[in-house]
Amino acid sequence: MVRYKHIDTSPKFIPVDLRRQLLPGTFEHALCHLIDHALDLSRFDARYRNDLTGAPAFAPAMLVKC
């Protein structure tokens, strides 16, 4: 099982809340929804071998969104 880093999209010390910034009906909201719900990124999981050792990796969905 692949271990991914937890990405907090609503950090406490930065005054930007990503969930409040992505308004429904905008391109950015649609893109995030498609990446989270429609794209199958499971093929990337086979490349990671960090279930027992190694540092957690960034999730492919977060890397595609950047």
PDB file of N, CA and C in Angstrom:
ATOM      1  N   MET A   1       0.848  -1.176   0.000  1.00  0.00           N
ATOM      2  CA  MET A   1       0.000   0.000   0.000  1.00  0.00           C
ATOM      3  C   MET A   1       0.895   1.241   0.000  1.00  0.00           C
ATOM      4  N   VAL A   2       0.563   2.174  -0.819  1.00  0.00           N
ATOM      5  CA  VAL A   2       1.365   3.376  -0.969  1.00  0.00           C
ATOM      6  C   VAL A   2       1.048   4.362   0.145  1.00  0.00           C
ATOM      7  N   ARG A   3       2.088   4.983   0.701  1.00  0.00           N
ATOM      8  CA  ARG A   3       1.892   6.015   1.710  1.00  0.00           C
ATOM      9  C   ARG A   3       2.083   7.375   1.053  1.00  0.00           C
ATOM     10  N   TYR A   4       1.073   8.220   1.151  1.00  0.00           N
ATOM     11  CA  TYR A   4       1.148   9.569   0.614  1.00  0.00           C
ATOM     12  C   TYR A   4       1.167  10.572   1.751  1.00  0.00           C
ATOM     13  N   LYS A   5       1.803  11.713   1.503  1.00  0.00           N
ATOM     14  CA  LYS A   5       1.806  12.796   2.476  1.00  0.00           C
ATOM     15  C   LYS A   5       0.415  13.386   2.575  1.00  0.00           C
ATOM     16  N   HIS A   6       0.024  13.773   3.779  1.00  0.00           N
ATOM     17  CA  HIS A   6      -1.257  14.441   3.969  1.00  0.00           C
ATOM     18  C   HIS A   6      -1.101  15.907   3.573  1.00  0.00           C
ATOM     19  N   ILE A   7      -1.946  16.375   2.682  1.00  0.00           N
ATOM     20  CA  ILE A   7      -1.932  17.763   2.245  1.00  0.00           C
ATOM     21  C   ILE A   7      -3.148  18.449   2.845  1.00  0.00           C
ATOM     22  N   ASP A   8      -2.901  19.419   3.708  1.00  0.00           N
ATOM     23  CA  ASP A   8      -3.984  20.165   4.340  1.00  0.00           C
ATOM     24  C   ASP A   8      -4.368  21.325   3.426  1.00  0.00           C
ATOM     25  N   THR A   9      -5.571  21.273   2.848  1.00  0.00           N
ATOM     26  CA  THR A   9      -6.009  22.324   1.919  1.00  0.00           C
ATOM     27  C   THR A   9      -6.632  23.509   2.642  1.00  0.00           C
ATOM     28  N   SER A  10      -6.699  23.450   3.942  1.00  0.00           N
ATOM     29  CA  SER A  10      -7.179  24.600   4.711  1.00  0.00           C
ATOM     30  C   SER A  10      -6.242  24.824   5.895  1.00  0.00           C
ATOM     31  N   PRO A  11      -5.023  25.295   5.602  1.00  0.00           N
ATOM     32  CA  PRO A  11      -4.043  25.479   6.685  1.00  0.00           C
ATOM     33  C   PRO A  11      -4.470  26.549   7.675  1.00  0.00           C
ATOM     34  N   LYS A  12      -3.934  26.446   8.875  1.00  0.00           N
ATOM     35  CA  LYS A  12      -4.334  27.353   9.954  1.00  0.00           C
ATOM     36  C   LYS A  12      -3.543  28.658   9.975  1.00  0.00           C
ATOM     37  N   PHE A  13      -2.292  28.630   9.475  1.00  0.00           N
ATOM     38  CA  PHE A  13      -1.430  29.804   9.580  1.00  0.00           C
ATOM     39  C   PHE A  13      -1.396  30.647   8.312  1.00  0.00           C
ATOM     40  N   ILE A  14      -1.897  30.118   7.218  1.00  0.00           N
ATOM     41  CA  ILE A  14      -1.942  30.870   5.968  1.00  0.00           C
ATOM     42  C   ILE A  14      -3.390  31.302   5.762  1.00  0.00           C
ATOM     43  N   PRO A  15      -3.635  32.589   5.477  1.00  0.00           N
ATOM     44  CA  PRO A  15      -5.016  33.063   5.396  1.00  0.00           C
ATOM     45  C   PRO A  15      -5.776  32.655   4.133  1.00  0.00           C
ATOM     46  N   VAL A  16      -5.274  31.686   3.371  1.00  0.00           N
ATOM     47  CA  VAL A  16      -5.953  31.244   2.159  1.00  0.00           C
ATOM     48  C   VAL A  16      -6.565  29.869   2.419  1.00  0.00           C
ATOM     49  N   ASP A  17      -7.850  29.775   2.255  1.00  0.00           N
ATOM     50  CA  ASP A  17      -8.556  28.508   2.396  1.00  0.00           C
ATOM     51  C   ASP A  17      -8.938  28.046   0.996  1.00  0.00           C
ATOM     52  N   LEU A  18      -8.279  26.991   0.511  1.00  0.00           N
ATOM     53  CA  LEU A  18      -8.468  26.553  -0.868  1.00  0.00           C
ATOM     54  C   LEU A  18      -9.913  26.147  -1.143  1.00  0.00           C
ATOM     55  N   ARG A  19     -10.559  25.518  -0.182  1.00  0.00           N
ATOM     56  CA  ARG A  19     -11.949  25.089  -0.404  1.00  0.00           C
ATOM     57  C   ARG A  19     -12.887  26.279  -0.580  1.00  0.00           C
ATOM     58  N   ARG A  20     -12.558  27.418   0.039  1.00  0.00           N
ATOM     59  CA  ARG A  20     -13.397  28.604  -0.122  1.00  0.00           C
ATOM     60  C   ARG A  20     -13.028  29.398  -1.370  1.00  0.00           C
ATOM     61  N   GLN A  21     -11.825  29.198  -1.889  1.00  0.00           N
ATOM     62  CA  GLN A  21     -11.371  29.922  -3.069  1.00  0.00           C
ATOM     63  C   GLN A  21     -11.899  29.294  -4.362  1.00  0.00           C
ATOM     64  N   LEU A  22     -12.090  27.988  -4.370  1.00  0.00           N
ATOM     65  CA  LEU A  22     -12.562  27.312  -5.575  1.00  0.00           C
ATOM     66  C   LEU A  22     -14.084  27.319  -5.606  1.00  0.00           C
ATOM     67  N   LEU A  23     -14.630  28.309  -6.256  1.00  0.00           N
ATOM     68  CA  LEU A  23     -16.081  28.483  -6.296  1.00  0.00           C
ATOM     69  C   LEU A  23     -16.712  27.565  -7.333  1.00  0.00           C
ATOM     70  N   PRO A  24     -17.852  26.941  -7.012  1.00  0.00           N
ATOM     71  CA  PRO A  24     -18.546  26.102  -7.993  1.00  0.00           C
ATOM     72  C   PRO A  24     -18.882  26.907  -9.243  1.00  0.00           C
ATOM     73  N   GLY A  25     -18.702  26.270 -10.385  1.00  0.00           N
ATOM     74  CA  GLY A  25     -18.977  26.921 -11.655  1.00  0.00           C
ATOM     75  C   GLY A  25     -17.736  27.491 -12.319  1.00  0.00           C
ATOM     76  N   THR A  26     -16.610  27.517 -11.609  1.00  0.00           N
ATOM     77  CA  THR A  26     -15.387  28.026 -12.205  1.00  0.00           C
ATOM     78  C   THR A  26     -14.584  26.883 -12.815  1.00  0.00           C
ATOM     79  N   PHE A  27     -13.657  27.251 -13.695  1.00  0.00           N
ATOM     80  CA  PHE A  27     -12.810  26.255 -14.341  1.00  0.00           C
ATOM     81  C   PHE A  27     -11.969  25.509 -13.308  1.00  0.00           C
ATOM     82  N   GLU A  28     -11.447  26.238 -12.340  1.00  0.00           N
ATOM     83  CA  GLU A  28     -10.593  25.633 -11.330  1.00  0.00           C
ATOM     84  C   GLU A  28     -11.347  24.593 -10.502  1.00  0.00           C
ATOM     85  N   HIS A  29     -12.587  24.906 -10.162  1.00  0.00           N
ATOM     86  CA  HIS A  29     -13.406  23.962  -9.392  1.00  0.00           C
ATOM     87  C   HIS A  29     -13.683  22.715 -10.231  1.00  0.00           C
ATOM     88  N   ALA A  30     -13.996  22.911 -11.509  1.00  0.00           N
ATOM     89  CA  ALA A  30     -14.263  21.774 -12.392  1.00  0.00           C
ATOM     90  C   ALA A  30     -13.018  20.912 -12.557  1.00  0.00           C
ATOM     91  N   LEU A  31     -11.859  21.552 -12.693  1.00  0.00           N
ATOM     92  CA  LEU A  31     -10.617  20.809 -12.850  1.00  0.00           C
ATOM     93  C   LEU A  31     -10.313  19.976 -11.612  1.00  0.00           C
ATOM     94  N   CYS A  32     -10.448  20.566 -10.443  1.00  0.00           N
ATOM     95  CA  CYS A  32     -10.215  19.816  -9.198  1.00  0.00           C
ATOM     96  C   CYS A  32     -11.201  18.667  -9.049  1.00  0.00           C
ATOM     97  N   HIS A  33     -12.450  18.900  -9.412  1.00  0.00           N
ATOM     98  CA  HIS A  33     -13.462  17.833  -9.322  1.00  0.00           C
ATOM     99  C   HIS A  33     -13.120  16.691 -10.277  1.00  0.00           C
ATOM    100  N   LEU A  34     -12.715  17.011 -11.495  1.00  0.00           N
ATOM    101  CA  LEU A  34     -12.358  15.966 -12.457  1.00  0.00           C
ATOM    102  C   LEU A  34     -11.145  15.169 -11.998  1.00  0.00           C
ATOM    103  N   ILE A  35     -10.146  15.851 -11.484  1.00  0.00           N
ATOM    104  CA  ILE A  35      -8.948  15.144 -11.023  1.00  0.00           C
ATOM    105  C   ILE A  35      -9.283  14.246  -9.837  1.00  0.00           C
ATOM    106  N   ASP A  36     -10.119  14.712  -8.932  1.00  0.00           N
ATOM    107  CA  ASP A  36     -10.459  13.926  -7.748  1.00  0.00           C
ATOM    108  C   ASP A  36     -11.422  12.782  -8.028  1.00  0.00           C
ATOM    109  N   HIS A  37     -12.331  12.948  -9.002  1.00  0.00           N
ATOM    110  CA  HIS A  37     -13.399  11.967  -9.182  1.00  0.00           C
ATOM    111  C   HIS A  37     -13.406  11.229 -10.521  1.00  0.00           C
ATOM    112  N   ALA A  38     -12.826  11.804 -11.576  1.00  0.00           N
ATOM    113  CA  ALA A  38     -12.948  11.183 -12.888  1.00  0.00           C
ATOM    114  C   ALA A  38     -11.655  10.541 -13.386  1.00  0.00           C
ATOM    115  N   LEU A  39     -10.516  11.099 -13.035  1.00  0.00           N
ATOM    116  CA  LEU A  39      -9.252  10.536 -13.505  1.00  0.00           C
ATOM    117  C   LEU A  39      -8.850   9.338 -12.663  1.00  0.00           C
ATOM    118  N   ASP A  40      -8.403   8.290 -13.352  1.00  0.00           N
ATOM    119  CA  ASP A  40      -7.902   7.108 -12.650  1.00  0.00           C
ATOM    120  C   ASP A  40      -6.386   7.228 -12.555  1.00  0.00           C
ATOM    121  N   LEU A  41      -5.901   7.622 -11.408  1.00  0.00           N
ATOM    122  CA  LEU A  41      -4.469   7.802 -11.203  1.00  0.00           C
ATOM    123  C   LEU A  41      -3.843   6.614 -10.486  1.00  0.00           C
ATOM    124  N   SER A  42      -4.547   5.494 -10.438  1.00  0.00           N
ATOM    125  CA  SER A  42      -4.057   4.332  -9.702  1.00  0.00           C
ATOM    126  C   SER A  42      -2.841   3.689 -10.371  1.00  0.00           C
ATOM    127  N   ARG A  43      -2.604   3.975 -11.640  1.00  0.00           N
ATOM    128  CA  ARG A  43      -1.443   3.406 -12.319  1.00  0.00           C
ATOM    129  C   ARG A  43      -0.139   3.922 -11.707  1.00  0.00           C
ATOM    130  N   PHE A  44      -0.187   5.116 -11.114  1.00  0.00           N
ATOM    131  CA  PHE A  44       1.006   5.660 -10.478  1.00  0.00           C
ATOM    132  C   PHE A  44       1.343   4.926  -9.189  1.00  0.00           C
ATOM    133  N   ASP A  45       0.354   4.320  -8.547  1.00  0.00           N
ATOM    134  CA  ASP A  45       0.580   3.628  -7.274  1.00  0.00           C
ATOM    135  C   ASP A  45       1.555   2.463  -7.421  1.00  0.00           C
ATOM    136  N   ALA A  46       1.574   1.825  -8.583  1.00  0.00           N
ATOM    137  CA  ALA A  46       2.449   0.671  -8.791  1.00  0.00           C
ATOM    138  C   ALA A  46       3.921   1.060  -8.762  1.00  0.00           C
ATOM    139  N   ARG A  47       4.230   2.309  -9.052  1.00  0.00           N
ATOM    140  CA  ARG A  47       5.629   2.758  -9.083  1.00  0.00           C
ATOM    141  C   ARG A  47       6.197   3.008  -7.682  1.00  0.00           C
ATOM    142  N   TYR A  48       5.345   3.228  -6.706  1.00  0.00           N
ATOM    143  CA  TYR A  48       5.811   3.561  -5.361  1.00  0.00           C
ATOM    144  C   TYR A  48       6.027   2.292  -4.556  1.00  0.00           C
ATOM    145  N   ARG A  49       7.155   2.232  -3.888  1.00  0.00           N
ATOM    146  CA  ARG A  49       7.480   1.089  -3.039  1.00  0.00           C
ATOM    147  C   ARG A  49       7.816   1.589  -1.635  1.00  0.00           C
ATOM    148  N   ASN A  50       6.939   2.418  -1.078  1.00  0.00           N
ATOM    149  CA  ASN A  50       7.235   3.008   0.225  1.00  0.00           C
ATOM    150  C   ASN A  50       6.249   2.575   1.302  1.00  0.00           C
ATOM    151  N   ASP A  51       5.650   1.417   1.143  1.00  0.00           N
ATOM    152  CA  ASP A  51       4.672   0.988   2.136  1.00  0.00           C
ATOM    153  C   ASP A  51       5.334   0.582   3.452  1.00  0.00           C
ATOM    154  N   LEU A  52       6.532   0.027   3.418  1.00  0.00           N
ATOM    155  CA  LEU A  52       7.207  -0.384   4.643  1.00  0.00           C
ATOM    156  C   LEU A  52       8.361   0.543   5.006  1.00  0.00           C
ATOM    157  N   THR A  53       9.079   1.005   4.017  1.00  0.00           N
ATOM    158  CA  THR A  53      10.219   1.891   4.267  1.00  0.00           C
ATOM    159  C   THR A  53      10.140   3.080   3.330  1.00  0.00           C
ATOM    160  N   GLY A  54      10.889   4.095   3.651  1.00  0.00           N
ATOM    161  CA  GLY A  54      10.930   5.272   2.796  1.00  0.00           C
ATOM    162  C   GLY A  54       9.966   6.341   3.267  1.00  0.00           C
ATOM    163  N   ALA A  55      10.174   7.518   2.746  1.00  0.00           N
ATOM    164  CA  ALA A  55       9.346   8.658   3.115  1.00  0.00           C
ATOM    165  C   ALA A  55       8.033   8.634   2.355  1.00  0.00           C
ATOM    166  N   PRO A  56       6.973   9.202   2.934  1.00  0.00           N
ATOM    167  CA  PRO A  56       5.714   9.309   2.202  1.00  0.00           C
ATOM    168  C   PRO A  56       5.881  10.190   0.962  1.00  0.00           C
ATOM    169  N   ALA A  57       5.167   9.864  -0.069  1.00  0.00           N
ATOM    170  CA  ALA A  57       5.258  10.592  -1.328  1.00  0.00           C
ATOM    171  C   ALA A  57       4.089  11.558  -1.460  1.00  0.00           C
ATOM    172  N   PHE A  58       4.233  12.508  -2.353  1.00  0.00           N
ATOM    173  CA  PHE A  58       3.109  13.375  -2.682  1.00  0.00           C
ATOM    174  C   PHE A  58       2.131  12.598  -3.552  1.00  0.00           C
ATOM    175  N   ALA A  59       0.855  12.771  -3.312  1.00  0.00           N
ATOM    176  CA  ALA A  59      -0.167  12.080  -4.093  1.00  0.00           C
ATOM    177  C   ALA A  59      -0.150  12.589  -5.540  1.00  0.00           C
ATOM    178  N   PRO A  60      -0.286  11.706  -6.521  1.00  0.00           N
ATOM    179  CA  PRO A  60      -0.287  12.147  -7.916  1.00  0.00           C
ATOM    180  C   PRO A  60      -1.366  13.177  -8.220  1.00  0.00           C
ATOM    181  N   ALA A  61      -2.515  13.109  -7.553  1.00  0.00           N
ATOM    182  CA  ALA A  61      -3.576  14.081  -7.805  1.00  0.00           C
ATOM    183  C   ALA A  61      -3.125  15.488  -7.430  1.00  0.00           C
ATOM    184  N   MET A  62      -2.389  15.616  -6.330  1.00  0.00           N
ATOM    185  CA  MET A  62      -1.896  16.932  -5.940  1.00  0.00           C
ATOM    186  C   MET A  62      -0.849  17.448  -6.909  1.00  0.00           C
ATOM    187  N   LEU A  63      -0.039  16.561  -7.450  1.00  0.00           N
ATOM    188  CA  LEU A  63       0.975  16.989  -8.400  1.00  0.00           C
ATOM    189  C   LEU A  63       0.361  17.399  -9.728  1.00  0.00           C
ATOM    190  N   VAL A  64      -0.729  16.765 -10.127  1.00  0.00           N
ATOM    191  CA  VAL A  64      -1.401  17.128 -11.378  1.00  0.00           C
ATOM    192  C   VAL A  64      -2.105  18.475 -11.229  1.00  0.00           C
ATOM    193  N   LYS A  65      -2.608  18.753 -10.050  1.00  0.00           N
ATOM    194  CA  LYS A  65      -3.325  20.017  -9.822  1.00  0.00           C
ATOM    195  C   LYS A  65      -2.409  21.221  -9.821  1.00  0.00           C
ATOM    196  N   CYS A  66      -1.139  21.036  -9.476  1.00  0.00           N
ATOM    197  CA  CYS A  66      -0.217  22.184  -9.368  1.00  0.00           C
ATOM    198  C   CYS A  66       0.157  22.768 -10.695  1.00  0.00           C
TER     199      CYS A  66
END
